[in-house]
Amino acid sequence: MRIKEHPILKFDFSKKVQFYFEGQPMYGVEGEPIAAALHDNGVMVLRDSINLKRPRGFFCAIGHCSSCLMEVNGEPNIRVCIVPLEAGMRVNRQRGKGELR
């Protein structure tokens, strides 16, 4: 599910890191957007809409919509489409508007 070859862009897949999605270990490339790593691991639903509870996925990929708001390392409302993946991150689907702990 990952673009591996492109006529103009070069990709560096050498730095694989482990992160956790809802407690399950997954792997991605360090520095890629968290949403891209989730997508590559088969996670298509990032959250549900607040009012109608409809599934939301990777949409704008530039941090302007709210489709990718998730909880990262215990902090809610993180736009995972623009936040780089780091080793050991703990990512969870956010329920509702998110709660600070």
C-alpha atoms as a PDB file:
ATOM      1  CA  MET A   1       0.000   0.000   0.000  1.00  0.00           C
ATOM      2  CA  ARG A   2       3.057   2.231  -0.237  1.00  0.00           C
ATOM      3  CA  ILE A   3       4.425   4.071  -3.262  1.00  0.00           C
ATOM      4  CA  LYS A   4       7.887   2.610  -3.703  1.00  0.00           C
ATOM      5  CA  GLU A   5       8.964   4.118  -7.011  1.00  0.00           C
ATOM      6  CA  HIS A   6       8.324   7.562  -8.416  1.00  0.00           C
ATOM      7  CA  PRO A   7       9.788   9.220 -11.523  1.00  0.00           C
ATOM      8  CA  ILE A   8      10.780  12.400  -9.633  1.00  0.00           C
ATOM      9  CA  LEU A   9      10.693  11.778  -5.872  1.00  0.00           C
ATOM     10  CA  LYS A  10      13.214   9.611  -4.031  1.00  0.00           C
ATOM     11  CA  PHE A  11      12.187   7.621  -0.967  1.00  0.00           C
ATOM     12  CA  ASP A  12      14.479   6.452   1.828  1.00  0.00           C
ATOM     13  CA  PHE A  13      13.032   3.362   3.478  1.00  0.00           C
ATOM     14  CA  SER A  14      16.196   2.487   5.405  1.00  0.00           C
ATOM     15  CA  LYS A  15      15.083   3.665   8.872  1.00  0.00           C
ATOM     16  CA  LYS A  16      12.239   1.359   9.919  1.00  0.00           C
ATOM     17  CA  VAL A  17      10.834   2.039  13.388  1.00  0.00           C
ATOM     18  CA  GLN A  18       8.309   0.341  15.606  1.00  0.00           C
ATOM     19  CA  PHE A  19       5.295   2.228  16.945  1.00  0.00           C
ATOM     20  CA  TYR A  20       2.041   1.149  18.585  1.00  0.00           C
ATOM     21  CA  PHE A  21      -1.488   1.608  17.313  1.00  0.00           C
ATOM     22  CA  GLU A  22      -4.124   0.870  19.920  1.00  0.00           C
ATOM     23  CA  GLY A  23      -1.564  -1.273  21.726  1.00  0.00           C
ATOM     24  CA  GLN A  24      -0.572  -3.330  18.666  1.00  0.00           C
ATOM     25  CA  PRO A  25       3.009  -3.071  17.399  1.00  0.00           C
ATOM     26  CA  MET A  26       3.397  -1.785  13.858  1.00  0.00           C
ATOM     27  CA  TYR A  27       6.271  -0.599  11.702  1.00  0.00           C
ATOM     28  CA  GLY A  28       6.803   2.487   9.599  1.00  0.00           C
ATOM     29  CA  VAL A  29       9.547   4.673   8.212  1.00  0.00           C
ATOM     30  CA  GLU A  30      10.973   7.242  10.600  1.00  0.00           C
ATOM     31  CA  GLY A  31       9.960  10.758   9.584  1.00  0.00           C
ATOM     32  CA  GLU A  32       7.020   9.837   7.382  1.00  0.00           C
ATOM     33  CA  PRO A  33       3.613  11.157   8.476  1.00  0.00           C
ATOM     34  CA  ILE A  34       2.007   8.956  11.129  1.00  0.00           C
ATOM     35  CA  ALA A  35      -1.080   8.638   8.890  1.00  0.00           C
ATOM     36  CA  ALA A  36       1.050   7.236   6.049  1.00  0.00           C
ATOM     37  CA  ALA A  37       2.510   4.586   8.352  1.00  0.00           C
ATOM     38  CA  LEU A  38      -0.972   3.659   9.578  1.00  0.00           C
ATOM     39  CA  HIS A  39      -2.248   3.449   6.004  1.00  0.00           C
ATOM     40  CA  ASP A  40       0.674   1.209   5.029  1.00  0.00           C
ATOM     41  CA  ASN A  41      -0.258  -1.076   7.943  1.00  0.00           C
ATOM     42  CA  GLY A  42      -3.856  -1.351   6.689  1.00  0.00           C
ATOM     43  CA  VAL A  43      -5.444   1.173   9.069  1.00  0.00           C
ATOM     44  CA  MET A  44      -7.902   3.117   6.936  1.00  0.00           C
ATOM     45  CA  VAL A  45     -10.230   4.540   9.611  1.00  0.00           C
ATOM     46  CA  LEU A  46      -8.456   7.125  11.740  1.00  0.00           C
ATOM     47  CA  ARG A  47     -11.474   8.359  13.701  1.00  0.00           C
ATOM     48  CA  ASP A  48     -15.258   8.703  13.637  1.00  0.00           C
ATOM     49  CA  SER A  49     -17.038  12.009  13.049  1.00  0.00           C
ATOM     50  CA  ILE A  50     -18.165  13.599  16.294  1.00  0.00           C
ATOM     51  CA  ASN A  51     -21.884  13.935  15.606  1.00  0.00           C
ATOM     52  CA  LEU A  52     -22.845  11.178  13.172  1.00  0.00           C
ATOM     53  CA  LYS A  53     -20.071   8.703  14.089  1.00  0.00           C
ATOM     54  CA  ARG A  54     -19.119   8.156  10.442  1.00  0.00           C
ATOM     55  CA  PRO A  55     -15.639   6.757   9.725  1.00  0.00           C
ATOM     56  CA  ARG A  56     -12.972   9.247   8.677  1.00  0.00           C
ATOM     57  CA  GLY A  57      -9.684   8.431   6.969  1.00  0.00           C
ATOM     58  CA  PHE A  58      -6.631  10.054   5.426  1.00  0.00           C
ATOM     59  CA  PHE A  59      -8.194  13.021   3.557  1.00  0.00           C
ATOM     60  CA  CYS A  60      -6.417  16.339   2.955  1.00  0.00           C
ATOM     61  CA  ALA A  61      -2.895  15.283   4.043  1.00  0.00           C
ATOM     62  CA  ILE A  62      -1.888  18.911   4.705  1.00  0.00           C
ATOM     63  CA  GLY A  63      -3.307  19.552   8.191  1.00  0.00           C
ATOM     64  CA  HIS A  64      -6.380  21.592   7.231  1.00  0.00           C
ATOM     65  CA  CYS A  65      -9.246  19.205   7.919  1.00  0.00           C
ATOM     66  CA  SER A  66     -10.033  17.329  11.125  1.00  0.00           C
ATOM     67  CA  SER A  67     -10.329  13.836   9.636  1.00  0.00           C
ATOM     68  CA  CYS A  68      -7.011  12.663  11.060  1.00  0.00           C
ATOM     69  CA  LEU A  69      -7.215  13.950  14.642  1.00  0.00           C
ATOM     70  CA  MET A  70      -5.859  11.206  16.884  1.00  0.00           C
ATOM     71  CA  GLU A  71      -4.310  10.737  20.292  1.00  0.00           C
ATOM     72  CA  VAL A  72      -0.510  10.483  20.135  1.00  0.00           C
ATOM     73  CA  ASN A  73       1.499   9.658  23.258  1.00  0.00           C
ATOM     74  CA  GLY A  74      -1.519  10.583  25.382  1.00  0.00           C
ATOM     75  CA  GLU A  75      -2.070  13.990  23.756  1.00  0.00           C
ATOM     76  CA  PRO A  76      -5.393  14.469  21.913  1.00  0.00           C
ATOM     77  CA  ASN A  77      -6.145  16.384  18.711  1.00  0.00           C
ATOM     78  CA  ILE A  78      -2.907  15.599  16.895  1.00  0.00           C
ATOM     79  CA  ARG A  79      -3.136  15.903  13.096  1.00  0.00           C
ATOM     80  CA  VAL A  80      -1.354  12.689  12.181  1.00  0.00           C
ATOM     81  CA  CYS A  81      -1.186  13.624   8.496  1.00  0.00           C
ATOM     82  CA  ILE A  82       1.553  16.185   9.232  1.00  0.00           C
ATOM     83  CA  VAL A  83       3.289  14.838  12.361  1.00  0.00           C
ATOM     84  CA  PRO A  84       6.418  12.765  11.633  1.00  0.00           C
ATOM     85  CA  LEU A  85       6.603   9.199  12.905  1.00  0.00           C
ATOM     86  CA  GLU A  86       9.122   8.465  15.657  1.00  0.00           C
ATOM     87  CA  ALA A  87      10.111   5.173  17.251  1.00  0.00           C
ATOM     88  CA  GLY A  88       7.934   4.076  20.158  1.00  0.00           C
ATOM     89  CA  MET A  89       5.017   6.428  19.500  1.00  0.00           C
ATOM     90  CA  ARG A  90       1.698   5.337  20.945  1.00  0.00           C
ATOM     91  CA  VAL A  91      -1.174   6.209  18.631  1.00  0.00           C
ATOM     92  CA  ASN A  92      -4.857   5.704  19.435  1.00  0.00           C
ATOM     93  CA  ARG A  93      -8.125   6.569  17.777  1.00  0.00           C
ATOM     94  CA  GLN A  94      -9.652   9.580  19.426  1.00  0.00           C
ATOM     95  CA  ARG A  95     -13.182   9.337  20.716  1.00  0.00           C
ATOM     96  CA  GLY A  96     -15.162  12.567  20.428  1.00  0.00           C
ATOM     97  CA  LYS A  97     -13.284  15.815  20.953  1.00  0.00           C
ATOM     98  CA  GLY A  98     -10.498  14.223  22.963  1.00  0.00           C
ATOM     99  CA  GLU A  99      -9.682  14.651  26.617  1.00  0.00           C
ATOM    100  CA  LEU A 100      -6.555  16.000  28.244  1.00  0.00           C
ATOM    101  CA  ARG A 101      -5.143  13.755  30.948  1.00  0.00           C
END
